[in-house]
Amino acid sequence: MPQATPAKIDDSATPISFPAVGRKKLTAAFDGGRLTSDGGVLLLAQAERAMGICGRLAACIADRRDPTRVTHKLEDILRARILAICCGYEDADDLDTLRDDPGFRLALGKLPGSGAGLASQPTMSRCENAPTTRELARMMGEMIGIYCASYPTPPVAVTLDIDDTCDVVHGYQQLSFWNGHHGERCFMPIHVYDTATGRPVAMLLRTGKTPSGAEAAGHIRRLFRHIRSHWPNTHITIRGDGHYGRPEVMDFCEAHGVDYVLGLPTNAVLRADPTIVTVADACATQRAEEDRPVLRLFAETRYAAKSWKHQRRVVARIEASTMGMDIRTVVTSLAAPGPEDLYEVLYCARGNAENLIKLHKSQLSSDRTSCRAANANQMRLILHTAAYWLMWRVQQAIPKKAALATAEFATMRVRLLKIAARVIETSTRIRVAFASACPDADLFRTIANALKPAPT
C-alpha cells in the first residue's frame, strides 16, 4: 500500500531549549514573524537617496535585457548589492537569503509583505559581469564625480594619497600575477583617498606587480582630468610612497601645476651627498655622546637622477640608533615647510591612507575579487567603494562629540546597522518597531533626522 508523503516540517519553528529561568521553562524558535536583523539598513537607504550613487552608476551601464521580462531595475540591483555589503553580506550568494528580508525590502522602496522579492544571486552575478570596459571607465569617472559632489563648494586645495595594496587571489583570474615581495599570486589595485576627510576618490584593479612610472603617470593623468572637469581652480597635491616617486609622475605634475610629496628610494649617490653625510655623521655622534637609544635629524639637498630633467628638492630623515643608521628620503615640488615638518607632518600623514585601505579591504571585504574576469572584479571594486561612501555618509551624520564619531565601519555596523526590528504593515501605514532597550536609540534618531531629505 503506497505511503502518504509526510508533511514538510518547518525547522525554523522547532523549539530550542535553554536552561530554566526562575523555575520557568525557557524555549526559543525562529517564528517571530516579520522581523529584520538589519534595521539600520534604513539609515543607509537615506544616505543613498541623498547621494544618488546607485542612479548615477546605473546610468553608466546599458541595460541589454528584454524590457518585457525585466523584474528588477538595474538601479535596484546595484542598490541591494551595495546595501548588503554595508551590512556585512559581502557575497552575492547572501542575497538569496535576503530577498524577503523586510528591512531590505523597505530600503529598496518595496512593501514588506507583497510583490516580488529582491534580486537573487544569479541576477547579481550577471549584473557584475555585464559592464563592458568602456562602461566601467564611465563608472569610475562617475565615482570621482561623486567625490567632487560630496563637497558643497569646490575646496581651495586637496591632498590626495595614492597607494597600491596586495589583494591575494586563489586561482588564475585575469590580471593576477605572482608578486615576489609578497610571496603571493595577487592583484595590486590602486587606491586614492582624500585622507584628511576620509573620502574615497578612485579604486582601480590592476595586475599584481608594482606600477611602472609610465603606468602611474597615466592613472594620475586620468584622475587629474576628471577632477579638473569639476574643480578647475582647486590646487591638488599628490602624495605617495616610493612606488610613485618616478620621473614620469613628477614630470606630469610639474607640467600641470600639481604639487607632489613622494617617497624616493635611496641610492649610493644620495647616501654620498655631502649635506646628508654631514648630518648623518652629526646624528650618529650626538646619539653616542648623549647615550640615546635613537636620535632623528633631518637634512635637505638638491638632487637629480640621470633620468630626471632637472634637480629637485629632496628631504632626508636620518635616524641613528643602537641598531645602526637608517635614512629615508622624500622628493617634493614644495618649497615649504622645512625638512622636519615636511617629513614628519606632511609626508607621514599619508600613513592614515593605510587605515582607510583597511576599512575598504577588511571591513567592507573589497578584496573578495574572486571572479575570473577582470571586468567583473573591477565592478566589485566599484560596488564596494559605493558601500564605503554610504558608511562614510552615515559617519558624517554622527555628532562630533558622540563616541561613534570616530568609530571604524565594523563598529558602526554592529552598533547602528545590525539592529533587530519588527516591521508592521497595515492598510494605511508601515511601522518599524525597534527594541526599546536599544543602547544607541538616541544616536540612531539623531542620524535619521540628519539624513532626512530637505523639504521641497
Protein backbone atom coordinates (compact mmCIF):
# COMPACT_ATOMS: atom_id res chain seq x y z
CA MET A 1 0.00 0.00 0.00
CA PRO A 2 1.53 3.37 -1.01
CA GLN A 3 2.63 5.61 1.81
CA ALA A 4 1.49 9.21 2.02
CA THR A 5 4.19 11.87 1.67
CA PRO A 6 4.89 13.25 5.14
CA ALA A 7 4.09 16.89 5.74
CA LYS A 8 7.07 19.24 5.48
CA ILE A 9 8.41 20.21 8.88
CA ASP A 10 9.20 23.90 9.39
CA ASP A 11 12.63 23.76 11.02
CA SER A 12 12.51 27.47 11.85
CA ALA A 13 9.61 26.86 14.26
CA THR A 14 11.27 23.92 16.01
CA PRO A 15 11.76 24.93 19.66
CA ILE A 16 15.27 25.39 21.05
CA SER A 17 15.63 24.55 24.72
CA PHE A 18 17.64 26.65 27.18
CA PRO A 19 18.17 26.31 30.93
CA ALA A 20 15.15 27.29 33.01
CA VAL A 21 15.00 30.79 34.47
CA GLY A 22 13.17 31.41 37.73
CA ARG A 23 11.85 27.82 37.66
CA LYS A 24 10.20 28.59 34.31
CA LYS A 25 10.88 26.56 31.20
CA LEU A 26 12.78 28.52 28.52
CA THR A 27 12.42 27.74 24.81
CA ALA A 28 13.04 29.71 21.63
CA ALA A 29 12.22 29.41 17.94
CA PHE A 30 12.61 31.39 14.75
CA ASP A 31 8.91 32.11 14.48
CA GLY A 32 8.77 35.78 15.48
CA GLY A 33 7.20 36.83 12.22
CA ARG A 34 8.15 39.79 10.08
CA LEU A 35 11.44 40.79 11.70
CA THR A 36 14.71 42.07 10.35
CA SER A 37 18.13 41.85 11.97
CA ASP A 38 19.38 44.79 9.88
CA GLY A 39 17.07 47.63 10.85
CA GLY A 40 19.88 50.13 10.33
CA VAL A 41 19.73 49.49 6.58
CA LEU A 42 17.10 52.25 6.56
CA LEU A 43 19.84 54.73 7.53
CA LEU A 44 21.94 53.56 4.60
CA ALA A 45 18.94 53.92 2.29
CA GLN A 46 18.54 57.52 3.46
CA ALA A 47 22.22 58.17 2.76
CA GLU A 48 22.00 56.59 -0.68
CA ARG A 49 18.96 58.65 -1.64
CA ALA A 50 20.80 61.80 -0.56
CA MET A 51 23.87 60.97 -2.64
CA GLY A 52 22.15 59.27 -5.58
CA ILE A 53 25.01 56.82 -6.02
CA CYS A 54 23.08 53.89 -7.48
CA GLY A 55 21.24 56.01 -10.02
CA ARG A 56 24.49 57.57 -11.21
CA LEU A 57 26.22 54.21 -11.55
CA ALA A 58 23.25 52.54 -13.27
CA ALA A 59 23.14 55.35 -15.85
CA CYS A 60 26.64 54.31 -16.98
CA ILE A 61 25.53 50.77 -17.92
CA ALA A 62 23.47 49.87 -20.99
CA ASP A 63 20.63 47.58 -19.90
CA ARG A 64 20.67 44.84 -22.56
CA ARG A 65 17.78 42.87 -21.07
CA ASP A 66 14.43 42.36 -22.76
CA PRO A 67 12.27 45.18 -21.27
CA THR A 68 9.16 42.96 -21.26
CA ARG A 69 10.86 40.44 -18.97
CA VAL A 70 12.59 42.80 -16.54
CA THR A 71 11.56 42.38 -12.90
CA HIS A 72 14.30 44.35 -11.16
CA LYS A 73 15.58 47.69 -12.37
CA LEU A 74 19.34 47.89 -12.75
CA GLU A 75 19.44 50.65 -10.14
CA ASP A 76 17.65 48.40 -7.61
CA ILE A 77 20.02 45.52 -8.31
CA LEU A 78 23.00 47.74 -7.56
CA ARG A 79 21.30 49.22 -4.51
CA ALA A 80 20.53 45.81 -2.98
CA ARG A 81 24.11 44.64 -3.53
CA ILE A 82 25.67 47.78 -2.07
CA LEU A 83 23.39 47.84 0.99
CA ALA A 84 24.14 44.17 1.62
CA ILE A 85 27.91 44.85 1.52
CA CYS A 86 27.48 47.61 4.09
CA CYS A 87 25.62 45.24 6.40
CA GLY A 88 28.32 42.60 6.19
CA TYR A 89 26.88 40.39 3.41
CA GLU A 90 29.82 40.60 1.03
CA ASP A 91 28.92 37.65 -1.23
CA ALA A 92 26.27 37.70 -3.93
CA ASP A 93 25.06 34.35 -2.52
CA ASP A 94 23.84 36.20 0.57
CA LEU A 95 21.18 37.96 -1.50
CA ASP A 96 19.27 34.68 -1.83
CA THR A 97 18.59 34.72 1.92
CA LEU A 98 17.87 38.47 1.99
CA ARG A 99 15.33 38.52 -0.82
CA ASP A 100 12.37 38.72 1.54
CA ASP A 101 14.02 40.50 4.46
CA PRO A 102 11.54 43.25 5.37
CA GLY A 103 14.28 45.74 6.22
CA PHE A 104 15.98 45.41 2.84
CA ARG A 105 12.64 45.47 1.04
CA LEU A 106 11.76 48.77 2.70
CA ALA A 107 15.21 50.16 1.93
CA LEU A 108 14.55 49.47 -1.76
CA GLY A 109 11.10 51.05 -1.64
CA LYS A 110 9.17 47.77 -1.70
CA LEU A 111 6.32 46.75 0.56
CA PRO A 112 7.47 44.21 3.17
CA GLY A 113 4.74 41.67 2.54
CA SER A 114 3.82 41.79 -1.14
CA GLY A 115 5.39 41.88 -4.58
CA ALA A 116 8.42 40.14 -5.99
CA GLY A 117 11.41 39.59 -3.76
CA LEU A 118 14.73 41.32 -4.25
CA ALA A 119 17.14 40.24 -6.97
CA SER A 120 18.69 36.81 -6.42
CA GLN A 121 22.31 35.69 -6.62
CA PRO A 122 22.23 34.74 -10.33
CA THR A 123 20.85 38.17 -11.18
CA MET A 124 23.54 39.83 -9.08
CA SER A 125 26.27 37.78 -10.73
CA ARG A 126 25.01 38.62 -14.22
CA CYS A 127 24.96 42.28 -13.23
CA GLU A 128 28.57 42.13 -12.03
CA ASN A 129 29.69 40.55 -15.31
CA ALA A 130 27.58 42.77 -17.59
CA PRO A 131 29.51 46.10 -17.84
CA THR A 132 31.98 46.50 -20.68
CA THR A 133 35.40 48.07 -20.24
CA ARG A 134 34.10 51.41 -21.53
CA GLU A 135 31.15 51.30 -19.16
CA LEU A 136 33.45 50.53 -16.24
CA ALA A 137 35.60 53.52 -17.21
CA ARG A 138 32.48 55.70 -17.16
CA MET A 139 31.53 54.30 -13.77
CA MET A 140 34.98 55.03 -12.39
CA GLY A 141 34.68 58.58 -13.71
CA GLU A 142 31.29 58.84 -12.04
CA MET A 143 32.81 57.75 -8.72
CA ILE A 144 35.25 60.65 -8.99
CA GLY A 145 32.25 62.87 -9.71
CA ILE A 146 30.60 61.58 -6.55
CA TYR A 147 33.74 62.52 -4.64
CA CYS A 148 33.71 66.05 -6.04
CA ALA A 149 29.96 66.41 -5.40
CA SER A 150 30.47 65.44 -1.75
CA TYR A 151 31.94 68.91 -1.17
CA PRO A 152 29.26 71.63 -1.03
CA THR A 153 31.67 74.03 -2.76
CA PRO A 154 34.99 73.33 -4.52
CA PRO A 155 37.80 73.33 -1.92
CA VAL A 156 40.75 75.66 -2.26
CA ALA A 157 43.19 72.74 -2.05
CA VAL A 158 43.15 68.97 -1.53
CA THR A 159 45.88 66.41 -0.87
CA LEU A 160 45.26 63.02 -2.47
CA ASP A 161 47.04 59.89 -1.27
CA ILE A 162 47.74 57.22 -3.85
CA ASP A 163 48.82 53.73 -2.84
CA ASP A 164 48.61 50.15 -4.04
CA THR A 165 47.75 47.18 -1.86
CA CYS A 166 48.14 43.42 -2.12
CA ASP A 167 44.89 41.61 -2.94
CA VAL A 168 45.64 37.89 -2.74
CA VAL A 169 43.82 35.66 -5.25
CA HIS A 170 43.22 31.94 -5.04
CA GLY A 171 43.03 30.98 -8.71
CA TYR A 172 44.16 32.14 -12.13
CA GLN A 173 42.00 35.20 -12.58
CA GLN A 174 42.74 37.68 -15.33
CA LEU A 175 45.40 40.22 -14.24
CA SER A 176 46.58 38.01 -11.36
CA PHE A 177 50.35 37.91 -11.12
CA TRP A 178 52.98 36.38 -8.88
CA ASN A 179 54.48 39.04 -6.62
CA GLY A 180 57.85 38.05 -5.22
CA HIS A 181 57.81 40.70 -2.47
CA HIS A 182 54.52 39.46 -1.02
CA GLY A 183 55.13 35.84 -1.96
CA GLU A 184 51.59 35.56 -3.29
CA ARG A 185 49.68 35.46 -6.53
CA CYS A 186 47.70 38.66 -6.33
CA PHE A 187 46.27 41.86 -7.74
CA MET A 188 47.78 45.20 -6.76
CA PRO A 189 44.79 47.57 -7.00
CA ILE A 190 45.45 51.30 -6.69
CA HIS A 191 43.52 53.20 -4.01
CA VAL A 192 43.25 57.00 -3.98
CA TYR A 193 41.85 58.81 -0.93
CA ASP A 194 41.30 62.32 0.30
CA THR A 195 42.84 61.20 3.56
CA ALA A 196 42.21 64.37 5.55
CA THR A 197 38.44 63.83 5.28
CA GLY A 198 38.34 60.04 4.79
CA ARG A 199 36.70 60.34 1.37
CA PRO A 200 37.43 57.65 -1.26
CA VAL A 201 38.34 59.05 -4.67
CA ALA A 202 39.16 56.20 -7.07
CA MET A 203 39.92 52.46 -6.95
CA LEU A 204 41.49 50.68 -9.91
CA LEU A 205 42.06 46.96 -10.28
CA ARG A 206 45.42 46.16 -11.84
CA THR A 207 47.92 43.36 -12.21
CA GLY A 208 49.86 42.09 -9.22
CA LYS A 209 53.11 43.97 -9.77
CA THR A 210 54.45 47.39 -8.82
CA PRO A 211 53.26 50.06 -11.29
CA SER A 212 55.86 51.47 -13.65
CA GLY A 213 56.42 55.21 -13.88
CA ALA A 214 54.53 55.44 -17.17
CA GLU A 215 51.57 53.49 -15.77
CA ALA A 216 51.40 55.53 -12.56
CA ALA A 217 51.60 58.79 -14.52
CA GLY A 218 48.79 57.59 -16.82
CA HIS A 219 46.49 56.85 -13.88
CA ILE A 220 47.25 60.21 -12.25
CA ARG A 221 46.67 61.99 -15.57
CA ARG A 222 43.19 60.49 -15.93
CA LEU A 223 42.39 61.22 -12.29
CA PHE A 224 43.55 64.83 -12.72
CA ARG A 225 41.44 65.27 -15.87
CA HIS A 226 38.27 64.07 -14.14
CA ILE A 227 38.80 66.25 -11.06
CA ARG A 228 39.63 69.31 -13.17
CA SER A 229 36.31 68.93 -15.02
CA HIS A 230 34.58 69.55 -11.68
CA TRP A 231 37.11 71.75 -9.90
CA PRO A 232 39.03 73.89 -12.41
CA ASN A 233 40.71 76.04 -9.75
CA THR A 234 41.36 73.67 -6.83
CA HIS A 235 45.03 73.15 -6.03
CA ILE A 236 45.92 69.45 -5.96
CA THR A 237 48.82 67.80 -4.14
CA ILE A 238 49.67 64.14 -4.82
CA ARG A 239 51.24 62.14 -2.01
CA GLY A 240 52.60 58.61 -2.33
CA ASP A 241 55.34 56.19 -1.37
CA GLY A 242 58.41 55.18 -3.35
CA HIS A 243 56.31 53.29 -5.93
CA TYR A 244 55.21 56.67 -7.25
CA GLY A 245 58.46 58.62 -6.88
CA ARG A 246 59.10 58.17 -10.60
CA PRO A 247 60.29 60.80 -13.10
CA GLU A 248 57.20 60.35 -15.30
CA VAL A 249 54.94 61.18 -12.35
CA MET A 250 56.99 64.21 -11.34
CA ASP A 251 57.20 65.49 -14.93
CA PHE A 252 53.42 65.27 -15.32
CA CYS A 253 52.74 67.01 -12.02
CA GLU A 254 55.14 69.85 -12.79
CA ALA A 255 53.69 70.32 -16.27
CA HIS A 256 50.13 70.62 -14.94
CA GLY A 257 50.61 72.63 -11.76
CA VAL A 258 50.16 69.70 -9.39
CA ASP A 259 52.37 69.58 -6.30
CA TYR A 260 53.77 66.29 -5.07
CA VAL A 261 55.36 64.73 -1.99
CA LEU A 262 56.66 61.30 -2.94
CA GLY A 263 58.90 58.70 -1.38
CA LEU A 264 62.27 58.34 -3.05
CA PRO A 265 64.28 55.11 -2.78
CA THR A 266 67.78 55.84 -1.50
CA ASN A 267 70.82 55.02 -3.61
CA ALA A 268 74.58 55.31 -3.44
CA VAL A 269 74.59 58.86 -4.84
CA LEU A 270 72.09 60.10 -2.25
CA ARG A 271 73.90 58.36 0.59
CA ALA A 272 77.13 60.05 -0.54
CA ASP A 273 75.55 63.51 -0.80
CA PRO A 274 77.75 65.90 1.28
CA THR A 275 74.80 67.50 3.08
CA ILE A 276 73.27 64.15 4.04
CA VAL A 277 76.65 62.71 5.04
CA THR A 278 77.39 65.69 7.29
CA VAL A 279 74.04 65.47 9.08
CA ALA A 280 74.28 61.67 9.34
CA ASP A 281 77.72 61.90 10.98
CA ALA A 282 76.45 64.56 13.39
CA CYS A 283 73.41 62.45 14.21
CA ALA A 284 75.46 59.34 14.98
CA THR A 285 77.96 61.33 17.07
CA GLN A 286 75.30 63.16 19.07
CA ARG A 287 73.41 59.94 19.75
CA ALA A 288 76.54 58.26 21.06
CA GLU A 289 77.60 61.23 23.18
CA GLU A 290 74.18 61.58 24.76
CA ASP A 291 73.78 57.79 25.04
CA ARG A 292 70.33 57.87 23.45
CA PRO A 293 68.69 54.71 22.11
CA VAL A 294 67.63 56.63 19.00
CA LEU A 295 68.09 60.11 17.54
CA ARG A 296 66.42 61.58 14.48
CA LEU A 297 67.63 64.56 12.42
CA PHE A 298 66.68 65.97 9.02
CA ALA A 299 68.59 67.26 6.02
CA GLU A 300 67.67 68.95 2.74
CA THR A 301 69.53 68.87 -0.55
CA ARG A 302 69.10 69.27 -4.32
CA TYR A 303 69.34 66.08 -6.33
CA ALA A 304 68.87 64.90 -9.90
CA ALA A 305 68.96 61.29 -11.03
CA LYS A 306 70.20 60.54 -14.55
CA SER A 307 66.61 60.07 -15.75
CA TRP A 308 65.47 63.42 -14.32
CA LYS A 309 65.31 66.59 -16.39
CA HIS A 310 66.49 68.84 -13.58
CA GLN A 311 67.34 68.94 -9.90
CA ARG A 312 64.55 68.65 -7.32
CA ARG A 313 64.22 69.26 -3.62
CA VAL A 314 64.97 66.14 -1.56
CA VAL A 315 64.43 65.86 2.20
CA ALA A 316 66.18 63.12 4.17
CA ARG A 317 65.06 61.70 7.50
CA ILE A 318 68.21 60.46 9.23
CA GLU A 319 67.82 58.15 12.24
CA ALA A 320 70.72 56.82 14.29
CA SER A 321 70.07 54.05 16.81
CA THR A 322 71.83 51.22 18.55
CA MET A 323 70.93 49.12 15.51
CA GLY A 324 72.75 51.44 13.10
CA MET A 325 71.84 54.20 10.64
CA ASP A 326 68.54 54.44 8.73
CA ILE A 327 68.00 57.09 6.04
CA ARG A 328 64.67 57.71 4.27
CA THR A 329 64.27 60.31 1.52
CA VAL A 330 61.34 62.21 0.05
CA VAL A 331 61.22 64.27 -3.14
CA THR A 332 58.84 67.22 -3.38
CA SER A 333 57.89 70.19 -5.52
CA LEU A 334 57.00 72.23 -2.42
CA ALA A 335 59.32 74.99 -1.29
CA ALA A 336 57.87 74.91 2.24
CA PRO A 337 57.62 73.77 5.00
CA GLY A 338 61.04 72.96 6.43
CA PRO A 339 62.58 69.48 6.24
CA GLU A 340 61.27 68.23 9.59
CA ASP A 341 57.69 69.41 9.11
CA LEU A 342 57.65 68.26 5.51
CA TYR A 343 58.58 64.71 6.50
CA GLU A 344 57.06 64.33 9.99
CA VAL A 345 53.83 66.27 9.44
CA LEU A 346 53.09 66.27 5.72
CA TYR A 347 54.60 63.08 4.32
CA CYS A 348 53.96 60.80 7.31
CA ALA A 349 50.28 61.80 7.29
CA ARG A 350 49.92 59.51 4.29
CA GLY A 351 50.04 56.64 6.78
CA ASN A 352 46.37 57.35 7.51
CA ALA A 353 45.58 56.20 3.99
CA GLU A 354 46.58 52.70 5.06
CA ASN A 355 43.87 52.83 7.73
CA LEU A 356 41.34 53.76 5.05
CA ILE A 357 42.53 50.88 2.87
CA LYS A 358 41.96 48.62 5.88
CA LEU A 359 38.37 49.86 6.13
CA HIS A 360 37.89 49.24 2.42
CA LYS A 361 39.50 45.79 2.33
CA SER A 362 38.98 44.23 5.74
CA GLN A 363 35.75 45.80 6.94
CA LEU A 364 33.92 46.09 3.62
CA SER A 365 35.58 43.00 2.10
CA SER A 366 36.63 44.67 -1.15
CA ASP A 367 39.30 42.00 -1.56
CA ARG A 368 36.60 39.45 -2.48
CA THR A 369 37.76 39.71 -6.09
CA SER A 370 37.17 36.06 -6.87
CA CYS A 371 35.62 36.42 -10.34
CA ARG A 372 37.63 35.08 -13.24
CA ALA A 373 37.08 38.11 -15.49
CA ALA A 374 38.98 41.30 -14.69
CA ASN A 375 35.95 43.45 -15.59
CA ALA A 376 33.78 41.65 -13.04
CA ASN A 377 36.39 42.17 -10.34
CA GLN A 378 36.66 45.87 -11.22
CA MET A 379 32.88 46.06 -10.97
CA ARG A 380 33.09 44.57 -7.49
CA LEU A 381 35.70 47.14 -6.52
CA ILE A 382 33.32 49.90 -7.63
CA LEU A 383 30.41 48.38 -5.67
CA HIS A 384 32.49 48.13 -2.51
CA THR A 385 33.64 51.72 -2.96
CA ALA A 386 29.99 52.77 -3.22
CA ALA A 387 29.37 50.90 0.05
CA TYR A 388 32.29 52.83 1.57
CA TRP A 389 30.60 56.08 0.53
CA LEU A 390 27.36 55.13 2.31
CA MET A 391 29.19 54.21 5.51
CA TRP A 392 31.16 57.45 5.30
CA ARG A 393 27.96 59.46 4.82
CA VAL A 394 26.33 57.86 7.86
CA GLN A 395 29.51 58.53 9.85
CA GLN A 396 29.38 62.21 8.89
CA ALA A 397 25.86 62.43 10.33
CA ILE A 398 27.10 61.34 13.77
CA PRO A 399 27.60 64.30 16.14
CA LYS A 400 31.30 65.04 16.61
CA LYS A 401 31.08 64.62 20.39
CA ALA A 402 29.47 61.18 20.15
CA ALA A 403 31.55 58.12 20.97
CA LEU A 404 30.96 56.65 17.49
CA ALA A 405 32.07 59.80 15.65
CA THR A 406 35.49 58.26 15.01
CA ALA A 407 34.42 54.61 15.05
CA GLU A 408 35.54 52.21 12.35
CA PHE A 409 33.00 50.77 9.95
CA ALA A 410 32.89 47.40 11.73
CA THR A 411 31.88 49.12 14.97
CA MET A 412 29.29 51.24 13.19
CA ARG A 413 27.84 48.11 11.63
CA VAL A 414 27.43 46.35 14.98
CA ARG A 415 26.05 49.39 16.81
CA LEU A 416 23.89 51.07 14.17
CA LEU A 417 23.08 48.61 11.37
CA LYS A 418 22.68 45.19 12.97
CA ILE A 419 19.62 46.25 14.95
CA ALA A 420 16.63 43.95 15.21
CA ALA A 421 13.25 45.42 14.33
CA ARG A 422 9.69 44.26 13.81
CA VAL A 423 8.01 45.52 10.62
CA ILE A 424 4.28 46.05 10.98
CA GLU A 425 2.25 46.74 7.84
CA THR A 426 -1.38 47.86 7.92
CA SER A 427 -3.67 49.07 5.19
CA THR A 428 -2.50 52.68 5.55
CA ARG A 429 0.98 52.65 7.02
CA ILE A 430 4.15 50.73 7.77
CA ARG A 431 5.73 50.89 11.21
CA VAL A 432 9.20 49.68 12.15
CA ALA A 433 9.44 48.82 15.85
CA PHE A 434 12.98 48.76 17.23
CA ALA A 435 13.90 47.29 20.60
CA SER A 436 13.01 49.60 23.48
CA ALA A 437 16.32 48.77 25.16
CA CYS A 438 18.48 49.64 22.12
CA PRO A 439 21.58 51.32 23.65
CA ASP A 440 22.07 53.67 20.67
CA ALA A 441 18.44 54.69 20.21
CA ASP A 442 19.09 58.42 20.68
CA LEU A 443 22.04 58.39 18.30
CA PHE A 444 20.07 56.41 15.72
CA ARG A 445 17.28 59.00 15.88
CA THR A 446 19.79 61.85 15.50
CA ILE A 447 21.37 60.26 12.42
CA ALA A 448 18.00 59.53 10.82
CA ASN A 449 16.96 63.16 11.26
CA ALA A 450 20.30 64.41 9.86
CA LEU A 451 19.92 62.22 6.75
CA LYS A 452 16.31 63.24 6.20
CA PRO A 453 15.94 64.97 2.82
CA ALA A 454 15.25 68.68 2.96
CA PRO A 455 11.60 69.65 2.37
CA THR A 456 10.84 70.78 -1.16
